[in-house]
PDB file of N, CA and C in Angstrom:
ATOM      1  N   UNK A   1     -22.016 -14.736 -11.278  1.00  0.00           N
ATOM      2  CA  UNK A   1     -21.792 -15.047  -9.871  1.00  0.00           C
ATOM      3  C   UNK A   1     -20.855 -14.186  -9.133  1.00  0.00           C
ATOM      4  N   UNK A   2     -19.540 -14.556  -9.971  1.00  0.00           N
ATOM      5  CA  UNK A   2     -18.404 -13.993  -9.697  1.00  0.00           C
ATOM      6  C   UNK A   2     -18.283 -12.453  -9.387  1.00  0.00           C
ATOM      7  N   UNK A   3     -19.098 -11.752 -10.291  1.00  0.00           N
ATOM      8  CA  UNK A   3     -19.182 -10.318 -10.164  1.00  0.00           C
ATOM      9  C   UNK A   3     -19.447  -9.898  -8.990  1.00  0.00           C
ATOM     10  N   UNK A   4     -20.773 -10.665  -8.457  1.00  0.00           N
ATOM     11  CA  UNK A   4     -21.718 -10.172  -7.582  1.00  0.00           C
ATOM     12  C   UNK A   4     -20.781 -10.821  -5.836  1.00  0.00           C
ATOM     13  N   UNK A   5     -19.448 -12.039  -5.949  1.00  0.00           N
ATOM     14  CA  UNK A   5     -18.722 -11.989  -5.033  1.00  0.00           C
ATOM     15  C   UNK A   5     -18.079 -10.985  -5.067  1.00  0.00           C
ATOM     16  N   UNK A   6     -17.434 -10.733  -6.511  1.00  0.00           N
ATOM     17  CA  UNK A   6     -16.449  -9.565  -6.189  1.00  0.00           C
ATOM     18  C   UNK A   6     -16.788  -8.045  -5.582  1.00  0.00           C
ATOM     19  N   UNK A   7     -18.018  -8.125  -6.025  1.00  0.00           N
ATOM     20  CA  UNK A   7     -19.169  -6.542  -5.436  1.00  0.00           C
ATOM     21  C   UNK A   7     -19.119  -6.614  -3.865  1.00  0.00           C
ATOM     22  N   UNK A   8     -19.495  -8.067  -3.273  1.00  0.00           N
ATOM     23  CA  UNK A   8     -19.619  -7.695  -2.177  1.00  0.00           C
ATOM     24  C   UNK A   8     -18.321  -7.923  -1.232  1.00  0.00           C
ATOM     25  N   UNK A   9     -17.636  -8.613  -1.920  1.00  0.00           N
ATOM     26  CA  UNK A   9     -15.904  -8.407  -1.562  1.00  0.00           C
ATOM     27  C   UNK A   9     -15.658  -6.546  -1.044  1.00  0.00           C
ATOM     28  N   UNK A  10     -16.059  -6.005  -2.303  1.00  0.00           N
ATOM     29  CA  UNK A  10     -15.843  -4.324  -2.547  1.00  0.00           C
ATOM     30  C   UNK A  10     -16.287  -4.160  -1.498  1.00  0.00           C
ATOM     31  N   UNK A  11     -17.092  -4.148  -1.190  1.00  0.00           N
ATOM     32  CA  UNK A  11     -18.225  -3.559   0.326  1.00  0.00           C
ATOM     33  C   UNK A  11     -17.692  -3.469   1.289  1.00  0.00           C
ATOM     34  N   UNK A  12     -17.770  -4.990   1.457  1.00  0.00           N
ATOM     35  CA  UNK A  12     -16.845  -5.470   3.322  1.00  0.00           C
ATOM     36  C   UNK A  12     -15.812  -4.422   3.092  1.00  0.00           C
ATOM     37  N   UNK A  13     -14.863  -4.224   2.065  1.00  0.00           N
ATOM     38  CA  UNK A  13     -13.369  -3.748   2.287  1.00  0.00           C
ATOM     39  C   UNK A  13     -14.057  -2.029   2.785  1.00  0.00           C
ATOM     40  N   UNK A  14     -14.843  -1.866   2.134  1.00  0.00           N
ATOM     41  CA  UNK A  14     -14.883  -0.417   2.276  1.00  0.00           C
ATOM     42  C   UNK A  14     -15.576   0.363   3.780  1.00  0.00           C
ATOM     43  N   UNK A  15     -16.357  -0.848   4.129  1.00  0.00           N
ATOM     44  CA  UNK A  15     -17.337  -0.829   5.320  1.00  0.00           C
ATOM     45  C   UNK A  15     -16.583  -0.778   6.334  1.00  0.00           C
ATOM     46  N   UNK A  16     -15.934  -2.067   6.236  1.00  0.00           N
ATOM     47  CA  UNK A  16     -15.220  -2.217   7.830  1.00  0.00           C
ATOM     48  C   UNK A  16     -13.497  -1.619   7.700  1.00  0.00           C
ATOM     49  N   UNK A  17     -13.036  -0.719   6.609  1.00  0.00           N
ATOM     50  CA  UNK A  17     -11.277  -0.726   6.278  1.00  0.00           C
ATOM     51  C   UNK A  17     -10.659  -1.599   6.610  1.00  0.00           C
ATOM     52  N   UNK A  18     -10.805  -3.063   5.868  1.00  0.00           N
ATOM     53  CA  UNK A  18      -9.790  -3.709   5.505  1.00  0.00           C
ATOM     54  C   UNK A  18      -9.032  -3.829   4.364  1.00  0.00           C
ATOM     55  N   UNK A  19      -8.052  -4.570   4.319  1.00  0.00           N
ATOM     56  CA  UNK A  19      -7.060  -4.474   3.012  1.00  0.00           C
ATOM     57  C   UNK A  19      -7.794  -5.150   1.822  1.00  0.00           C
ATOM     58  N   UNK A  20      -7.972  -4.373   0.936  1.00  0.00           N
ATOM     59  CA  UNK A  20      -8.533  -5.333  -0.130  1.00  0.00           C
ATOM     60  C   UNK A  20      -7.520  -6.061  -1.029  1.00  0.00           C
ATOM     61  N   UNK A  21      -6.237  -6.010  -0.713  1.00  0.00           N
ATOM     62  CA  UNK A  21      -5.717  -7.086  -1.186  1.00  0.00           C
ATOM     63  C   UNK A  21      -5.359  -8.543  -0.327  1.00  0.00           C
ATOM     64  N   UNK A  22      -5.820  -8.475   0.673  1.00  0.00           N
ATOM     65  CA  UNK A  22      -6.413  -9.795   1.665  1.00  0.00           C
ATOM     66  C   UNK A  22      -7.568 -10.208   0.965  1.00  0.00           C
ATOM     67  N   UNK A  23      -8.341  -9.509   1.087  1.00  0.00           N
ATOM     68  CA  UNK A  23      -9.938  -9.569   0.953  1.00  0.00           C
ATOM     69  C   UNK A  23     -10.569 -10.187  -0.525  1.00  0.00           C
ATOM     70  N   UNK A  24      -9.748  -9.484  -1.215  1.00  0.00           N
ATOM     71  CA  UNK A  24      -9.723  -9.614  -2.939  1.00  0.00           C
ATOM     72  C   UNK A  24      -8.680 -10.391  -3.282  1.00  0.00           C
ATOM     73  N   UNK A  25      -8.200 -10.785  -2.662  1.00  0.00           N
ATOM     74  CA  UNK A  25      -6.820 -11.771  -3.607  1.00  0.00           C
ATOM     75  C   UNK A  25      -6.010 -10.870  -4.306  1.00  0.00           C
ATOM     76  N   UNK A  26      -5.915  -9.833  -4.290  1.00  0.00           N
ATOM     77  CA  UNK A  26      -5.557  -9.047  -5.617  1.00  0.00           C
ATOM     78  C   UNK A  26      -3.824  -8.495  -5.065  1.00  0.00           C
ATOM     79  N   UNK A  27      -3.422  -8.900  -6.015  1.00  0.00           N
ATOM     80  CA  UNK A  27      -0.989  -8.631  -5.982  1.00  0.00           C
ATOM     81  C   UNK A  27      -1.447  -7.377  -5.232  1.00  0.00           C
ATOM     82  N   UNK A  28      -0.516  -7.049  -4.306  1.00  0.00           N
ATOM     83  CA  UNK A  28       0.282  -6.267  -3.756  1.00  0.00           C
ATOM     84  C   UNK A  28       1.588  -6.067  -3.885  1.00  0.00           C
ATOM     85  N   UNK A  29       2.142  -4.851  -5.026  1.00  0.00           N
ATOM     86  CA  UNK A  29       3.380  -4.710  -5.010  1.00  0.00           C
ATOM     87  C   UNK A  29       4.175  -3.344  -4.685  1.00  0.00           C
ATOM     88  N   UNK A  30       5.637  -3.978  -4.233  1.00  0.00           N
ATOM     89  CA  UNK A  30       6.139  -3.224  -2.679  1.00  0.00           C
ATOM     90  C   UNK A  30       7.343  -2.933  -3.549  1.00  0.00           C
ATOM     91  N   UNK A  31       7.836  -1.700  -4.818  1.00  0.00           N
ATOM     92  CA  UNK A  31       9.359  -1.357  -5.444  1.00  0.00           C
ATOM     93  C   UNK A  31       9.832  -0.496  -4.789  1.00  0.00           C
ATOM     94  N   UNK A  32      10.842  -0.979  -4.611  1.00  0.00           N
ATOM     95  CA  UNK A  32      12.241  -0.228  -3.902  1.00  0.00           C
ATOM     96  C   UNK A  32      12.779   0.196  -4.653  1.00  0.00           C
ATOM     97  N   UNK A  33      13.013   1.726  -5.207  1.00  0.00           N
ATOM     98  CA  UNK A  33      13.825   2.155  -6.335  1.00  0.00           C
ATOM     99  C   UNK A  33      13.511   1.603  -7.458  1.00  0.00           C
ATOM    100  N   UNK A  34      14.961   1.472  -8.058  1.00  0.00           N
ATOM    101  CA  UNK A  34      14.706   0.242  -9.423  1.00  0.00           C
ATOM    102  C   UNK A  34      15.378  -1.157  -9.196  1.00  0.00           C
ATOM    103  N   UNK A  35      15.979  -1.587  -7.504  1.00  0.00           N
ATOM    104  CA  UNK A  35      16.489  -2.601  -7.626  1.00  0.00           C
ATOM    105  C   UNK A  35      15.192  -3.902  -6.772  1.00  0.00           C
ATOM    106  N   UNK A  36      14.537  -3.580  -6.339  1.00  0.00           N
ATOM    107  CA  UNK A  36      13.967  -4.688  -5.712  1.00  0.00           C
ATOM    108  C   UNK A  36      12.509  -4.572  -5.888  1.00  0.00           C
ATOM    109  N   UNK A  37      11.867  -5.668  -5.912  1.00  0.00           N
ATOM    110  CA  UNK A  37      10.197  -5.383  -5.797  1.00  0.00           C
ATOM    111  C   UNK A  37       9.988  -6.739  -4.884  1.00  0.00           C
ATOM    112  N   UNK A  38       9.248  -6.272  -4.250  1.00  0.00           N
ATOM    113  CA  UNK A  38       7.757  -7.635  -3.771  1.00  0.00           C
ATOM    114  C   UNK A  38       6.662  -7.699  -4.068  1.00  0.00           C
ATOM    115  N   UNK A  39       6.306  -8.914  -4.416  1.00  0.00           N
ATOM    116  CA  UNK A  39       5.021  -9.154  -4.824  1.00  0.00           C
ATOM    117  C   UNK A  39       4.138 -10.024  -3.472  1.00  0.00           C
ATOM    118  N   UNK A  40       2.917  -9.714  -3.500  1.00  0.00           N
ATOM    119  CA  UNK A  40       2.258 -10.689  -2.878  1.00  0.00           C
ATOM    120  C   UNK A  40       1.217 -10.856  -3.179  1.00  0.00           C
ATOM    121  N   UNK A  41       0.542 -12.331  -2.896  1.00  0.00           N
ATOM    122  CA  UNK A  41      -0.669 -12.112  -3.341  1.00  0.00           C
ATOM    123  C   UNK A  41      -0.349 -13.315  -5.002  1.00  0.00           C
ATOM    124  N   UNK A  42       0.709 -13.590  -5.355  1.00  0.00           N
ATOM    125  CA  UNK A  42       1.131 -13.667  -6.965  1.00  0.00           C
ATOM    126  C   UNK A  42       0.461 -15.687  -6.446  1.00  0.00           C
ATOM    127  N   UNK A  43       0.719 -16.089  -8.238  1.00  0.00           N
ATOM    128  CA  UNK A  43      -0.323 -16.784  -8.562  1.00  0.00           C
ATOM    129  C   UNK A  43       0.783 -18.097  -8.957  1.00  0.00           C
ATOM    130  N   UNK A  44       2.407 -17.579  -8.648  1.00  0.00           N
ATOM    131  CA  UNK A  44       2.901 -18.439  -9.406  1.00  0.00           C
ATOM    132  C   UNK A  44       4.400 -17.322 -10.693  1.00  0.00           C
ATOM    133  N   UNK A  45       5.367 -17.933 -11.031  1.00  0.00           N
ATOM    134  CA  UNK A  45       6.390 -17.525 -11.513  1.00  0.00           C
ATOM    135  C   UNK A  45       5.683 -18.209 -13.228  1.00  0.00           C
ATOM    136  N   UNK A  46       5.364 -17.690 -14.542  1.00  0.00           N
ATOM    137  CA  UNK A  46       5.126 -18.475 -15.611  1.00  0.00           C
ATOM    138  C   UNK A  46       6.314 -18.292 -16.463  1.00  0.00           C
ATOM    139  N   UNK A  47       7.156 -17.197 -15.856  1.00  0.00           N
ATOM    140  CA  UNK A  47       8.503 -17.346 -17.040  1.00  0.00           C
ATOM    141  C   UNK A  47       9.206 -16.621 -16.277  1.00  0.00           C
ATOM    142  N   UNK A  48      10.480 -17.105 -16.274  1.00  0.00           N
ATOM    143  CA  UNK A  48      11.867 -16.603 -15.789  1.00  0.00           C
ATOM    144  C   UNK A  48      13.148 -16.450 -16.714  1.00  0.00           C
ATOM    145  N   UNK A  49      13.231 -15.244 -17.635  1.00  0.00           N
ATOM    146  CA  UNK A  49      14.395 -15.130 -18.630  1.00  0.00           C
ATOM    147  C   UNK A  49      15.220 -14.232 -18.323  1.00  0.00           C
ATOM    148  N   UNK A  50      16.320 -13.895 -19.227  1.00  0.00           N
ATOM    149  CA  UNK A  50      17.247 -12.919 -18.966  1.00  0.00           C
ATOM    150  C   UNK A  50      16.350 -11.237 -18.865  1.00  0.00           C
ATOM    151  N   UNK A  51      15.918 -11.360 -19.600  1.00  0.00           N
ATOM    152  CA  UNK A  51      15.566  -9.260 -19.859  1.00  0.00           C
ATOM    153  C   UNK A  51      13.729  -9.560 -19.207  1.00  0.00           C
ATOM    154  N   UNK A  52      12.877 -10.985 -18.955  1.00  0.00           N
ATOM    155  CA  UNK A  52      11.585 -10.637 -18.510  1.00  0.00           C
ATOM    156  C   UNK A  52      11.624 -12.434 -17.656  1.00  0.00           C
ATOM    157  N   UNK A  53      10.812 -11.321 -16.683  1.00  0.00           N
ATOM    158  CA  UNK A  53      10.351 -12.107 -15.661  1.00  0.00           C
ATOM    159  C   UNK A  53       8.654 -12.022 -15.654  1.00  0.00           C
ATOM    160  N   UNK A  54       7.949 -12.829 -15.929  1.00  0.00           N
ATOM    161  CA  UNK A  54       6.558 -12.780 -15.843  1.00  0.00           C
ATOM    162  C   UNK A  54       6.193 -14.002 -14.412  1.00  0.00           C
ATOM    163  N   UNK A  55       5.119 -13.183 -13.620  1.00  0.00           N
ATOM    164  CA  UNK A  55       4.670 -13.618 -12.899  1.00  0.00           C
ATOM    165  C   UNK A  55       3.241 -13.211 -12.726  1.00  0.00           C
ATOM    166  N   UNK A  56       2.456 -14.668 -12.307  1.00  0.00           N
ATOM    167  CA  UNK A  56       0.931 -14.809 -12.449  1.00  0.00           C
ATOM    168  C   UNK A  56       0.404 -14.157 -11.316  1.00  0.00           C
ATOM    169  N   UNK A  57      -0.788 -13.634 -11.532  1.00  0.00           N
ATOM    170  CA  UNK A  57      -1.498 -12.963 -10.316  1.00  0.00           C
ATOM    171  C   UNK A  57      -2.939 -13.091 -10.688  1.00  0.00           C
ATOM    172  N   UNK A  58      -3.970 -13.208  -9.478  1.00  0.00           N
ATOM    173  CA  UNK A  58      -5.726 -13.075 -10.037  1.00  0.00           C
ATOM    174  C   UNK A  58      -5.401 -11.939 -11.067  1.00  0.00           C
ATOM    175  N   UNK A  59      -5.198 -10.973 -11.151  1.00  0.00           N
ATOM    176  CA  UNK A  59      -5.710 -10.062 -12.380  1.00  0.00           C
ATOM    177  C   UNK A  59      -4.963 -10.293 -13.599  1.00  0.00           C
ATOM    178  N   UNK A  60      -4.168 -11.289 -13.844  1.00  0.00           N
ATOM    179  CA  UNK A  60      -3.312 -11.226 -15.042  1.00  0.00           C
ATOM    180  C   UNK A  60      -1.643 -11.306 -14.551  1.00  0.00           C
ATOM    181  N   UNK A  61      -1.089 -11.639 -15.430  1.00  0.00           N
ATOM    182  CA  UNK A  61       0.644 -11.435 -15.407  1.00  0.00           C
ATOM    183  C   UNK A  61       0.889 -10.499 -15.232  1.00  0.00           C
ATOM    184  N   UNK A  62       2.194 -10.108 -14.272  1.00  0.00           N
ATOM    185  CA  UNK A  62       3.010  -9.275 -14.111  1.00  0.00           C
ATOM    186  C   UNK A  62       3.984  -9.231 -14.502  1.00  0.00           C
ATOM    187  N   UNK A  63       4.448  -8.125 -15.662  1.00  0.00           N
ATOM    188  CA  UNK A  63       5.582  -8.350 -16.562  1.00  0.00           C
ATOM    189  C   UNK A  63       6.847  -7.993 -16.177  1.00  0.00           C
ATOM    190  N   UNK A  64       7.821  -8.024 -15.471  1.00  0.00           N
ATOM    191  CA  UNK A  64       9.044  -7.459 -15.271  1.00  0.00           C
ATOM    192  C   UNK A  64       9.797  -7.300 -16.204  1.00  0.00           C
ATOM    193  N   UNK A  65      10.311  -6.062 -17.008  1.00  0.00           N
ATOM    194  CA  UNK A  65      11.940  -6.387 -17.682  1.00  0.00           C
ATOM    195  C   UNK A  65      12.757  -5.536 -17.174  1.00  0.00           C
ATOM    196  N   UNK A  66      14.186  -5.724 -17.745  1.00  0.00           N
ATOM    197  CA  UNK A  66      15.228  -4.941 -16.857  1.00  0.00           C
ATOM    198  C   UNK A  66      16.096  -6.255 -16.895  1.00  0.00           C
ATOM    199  N   UNK A  67      16.973  -6.598 -15.790  1.00  0.00           N
ATOM    200  CA  UNK A  67      18.435  -7.306 -16.298  1.00  0.00           C
ATOM    201  C   UNK A  67      18.863  -7.643 -14.923  1.00  0.00           C
ATOM    202  N   UNK A  68      19.893  -8.901 -14.668  1.00  0.00           N
ATOM    203  CA  UNK A  68      20.598  -8.835 -13.357  1.00  0.00           C
ATOM    204  C   UNK A  68      19.512  -9.333 -12.644  1.00  0.00           C
ATOM    205  N   UNK A  69      18.369 -10.305 -12.570  1.00  0.00           N
ATOM    206  CA  UNK A  69      17.379 -10.581 -11.856  1.00  0.00           C
ATOM    207  C   UNK A  69      17.995 -11.732 -11.586  1.00  0.00           C
ATOM    208  N   UNK A  70      17.424 -11.387 -10.017  1.00  0.00           N
ATOM    209  CA  UNK A  70      17.976 -13.132  -8.952  1.00  0.00           C
ATOM    210  C   UNK A  70      16.911 -12.912  -8.397  1.00  0.00           C
ATOM    211  N   UNK A  71      16.409 -13.823  -7.855  1.00  0.00           N
ATOM    212  CA  UNK A  71      15.396 -14.467  -6.535  1.00  0.00           C
ATOM    213  C   UNK A  71      15.578 -14.208  -5.481  1.00  0.00           C
ATOM    214  N   UNK A  72      15.460 -13.416  -4.235  1.00  0.00           N
ATOM    215  CA  UNK A  72      15.853 -12.970  -2.948  1.00  0.00           C
ATOM    216  C   UNK A  72      14.751 -14.311  -1.964  1.00  0.00           C
ATOM    217  N   UNK A  73      13.731 -14.156  -2.823  1.00  0.00           N
ATOM    218  CA  UNK A  73      13.000 -14.528  -0.916  1.00  0.00           C
ATOM    219  C   UNK A  73      11.940 -15.167  -2.302  1.00  0.00           C
ATOM    220  N   UNK A  74      11.258 -16.513  -2.373  1.00  0.00           N
ATOM    221  CA  UNK A  74      10.103 -16.976  -2.496  1.00  0.00           C
ATOM    222  C   UNK A  74       9.631 -17.955  -1.554  1.00  0.00           C
ATOM    223  N   UNK A  75       8.110 -17.597  -1.262  1.00  0.00           N
ATOM    224  CA  UNK A  75       7.457 -18.664  -0.040  1.00  0.00           C
ATOM    225  C   UNK A  75       5.874 -18.226  -0.012  1.00  0.00           C
ATOM    226  N   UNK A  76       5.205 -19.374  -0.055  1.00  0.00           N
ATOM    227  CA  UNK A  76       3.729 -19.173   0.191  1.00  0.00           C
ATOM    228  C   UNK A  76       3.488 -17.942  -0.686  1.00  0.00           C
ATOM    229  N   UNK A  77       2.512 -16.993  -0.878  1.00  0.00           N
ATOM    230  CA  UNK A  77       2.027 -16.388  -1.622  1.00  0.00           C
ATOM    231  C   UNK A  77       2.801 -14.897  -1.917  1.00  0.00           C
ATOM    232  N   UNK A  78       4.344 -14.747  -1.386  1.00  0.00           N
ATOM    233  CA  UNK A  78       5.124 -13.715  -1.676  1.00  0.00           C
ATOM    234  C   UNK A  78       6.824 -13.880  -2.509  1.00  0.00           C
ATOM    235  N   UNK A  79       7.209 -12.981  -2.879  1.00  0.00           N
ATOM    236  CA  UNK A  79       7.994 -13.217  -3.615  1.00  0.00           C
ATOM    237  C   UNK A  79       8.694 -11.722  -3.745  1.00  0.00           C
ATOM    238  N   UNK A  80      10.150 -12.018  -3.299  1.00  0.00           N
ATOM    239  CA  UNK A  80      11.259 -10.236  -3.468  1.00  0.00           C
ATOM    240  C   UNK A  80      12.170 -11.130  -4.837  1.00  0.00           C
ATOM    241  N   UNK A  81      11.917  -9.924  -6.033  1.00  0.00           N
ATOM    242  CA  UNK A  81      13.094 -10.324  -7.034  1.00  0.00           C
ATOM    243  C   UNK A  81      14.382  -8.872  -6.976  1.00  0.00           C
ATOM    244  N   UNK A  82      15.567  -8.969  -7.130  1.00  0.00           N
ATOM    245  CA  UNK A  82      16.067  -7.957  -7.178  1.00  0.00           C
ATOM    246  C   UNK A  82      16.865  -7.511  -9.150  1.00  0.00           C
ATOM    247  N   UNK A  83      17.273  -6.727  -8.727  1.00  0.00           N
ATOM    248  CA  UNK A  83      17.537  -6.637 -10.429  1.00  0.00           C
ATOM    249  C   UNK A  83      17.763  -5.071 -10.635  1.00  0.00           C
ATOM    250  N   UNK A  84      17.953  -5.212 -12.191  1.00  0.00           N
ATOM    251  CA  UNK A  84      17.430  -4.008 -12.663  1.00  0.00           C
ATOM    252  C   UNK A  84      16.205  -3.388 -13.493  1.00  0.00           C
ATOM    253  N   UNK A  85      15.502  -2.967 -12.982  1.00  0.00           N
ATOM    254  CA  UNK A  85      14.315  -2.989 -13.164  1.00  0.00           C
ATOM    255  C   UNK A  85      13.506  -1.761 -14.193  1.00  0.00           C
ATOM    256  N   UNK A  86      13.621  -1.735 -15.582  1.00  0.00           N
ATOM    257  CA  UNK A  86      13.016  -1.129 -16.136  1.00  0.00           C
ATOM    258  C   UNK A  86      11.435  -0.967 -16.852  1.00  0.00           C
ATOM    259  N   UNK A  87      10.728  -1.898 -16.919  1.00  0.00           N
ATOM    260  CA  UNK A  87       9.542  -1.495 -17.169  1.00  0.00           C
ATOM    261  C   UNK A  87       8.973  -2.344 -15.904  1.00  0.00           C
ATOM    262  N   UNK A  88       7.324  -2.701 -15.881  1.00  0.00           N
ATOM    263  CA  UNK A  88       6.847  -3.791 -15.120  1.00  0.00           C
ATOM    264  C   UNK A  88       4.969  -3.431 -15.870  1.00  0.00           C
ATOM    265  N   UNK A  89       4.856  -4.319 -16.463  1.00  0.00           N
ATOM    266  CA  UNK A  89       3.565  -4.203 -17.395  1.00  0.00           C
ATOM    267  C   UNK A  89       2.316  -5.320 -16.802  1.00  0.00           C
ATOM    268  N   UNK A  90       1.193  -4.568 -16.891  1.00  0.00           N
ATOM    269  CA  UNK A  90       0.180  -5.517 -16.378  1.00  0.00           C
ATOM    270  C   UNK A  90      -0.495  -6.213 -17.335  1.00  0.00           C
ATOM    271  N   UNK A  91      -0.461  -7.527 -17.811  1.00  0.00           N
ATOM    272  CA  UNK A  91      -0.827  -8.078 -18.766  1.00  0.00           C
ATOM    273  C   UNK A  91      -2.905  -8.066 -18.180  1.00  0.00           C
ATOM    274  N   UNK A  92      -3.852  -7.475 -18.631  1.00  0.00           N
ATOM    275  CA  UNK A  92      -5.202  -8.144 -18.195  1.00  0.00           C
ATOM    276  C   UNK A  92      -5.036  -9.711 -18.494  1.00  0.00           C
ATOM    277  N   UNK A  93      -6.103 -10.102 -17.637  1.00  0.00           N
ATOM    278  CA  UNK A  93      -6.552 -11.645 -17.655  1.00  0.00           C
ATOM    279  C   UNK A  93      -7.637 -11.966 -19.015  1.00  0.00           C
ATOM    280  N   UNK A  94      -6.990 -13.188 -19.789  1.00  0.00           N
ATOM    281  CA  UNK A  94      -7.752 -13.513 -20.682  1.00  0.00           C
ATOM    282  C   UNK A  94      -9.158 -14.560 -20.058  1.00  0.00           C
ATOM    283  N   UNK A  95     -10.178 -13.758 -20.426  1.00  0.00           N
ATOM    284  CA  UNK A  95     -11.742 -14.660 -19.630  1.00  0.00           C
ATOM    285  C   UNK A  95     -12.376 -15.802 -20.139  1.00  0.00           C
TER     286      UNK A  95
END
């Protein structure tokens, strides 16, 4: 059933030129250089460590590796983080 809903949403996005991240509730990630990242449509932070941040999303965890992390803003479904980013890895959501 979930697959049919997602397929219907994809068709709406294509037909009406709607923003996919809003209709499908998928994360939108904006990276500015290697020092700032903004993630919209996140589902919370699952881990915040010295060299690793894990942010939950509908499609799975978004792992950010680096150093000197600081949360600039967190509110609603948007988070902005600064630091020195080394890698960003998408983990598949476990079914």
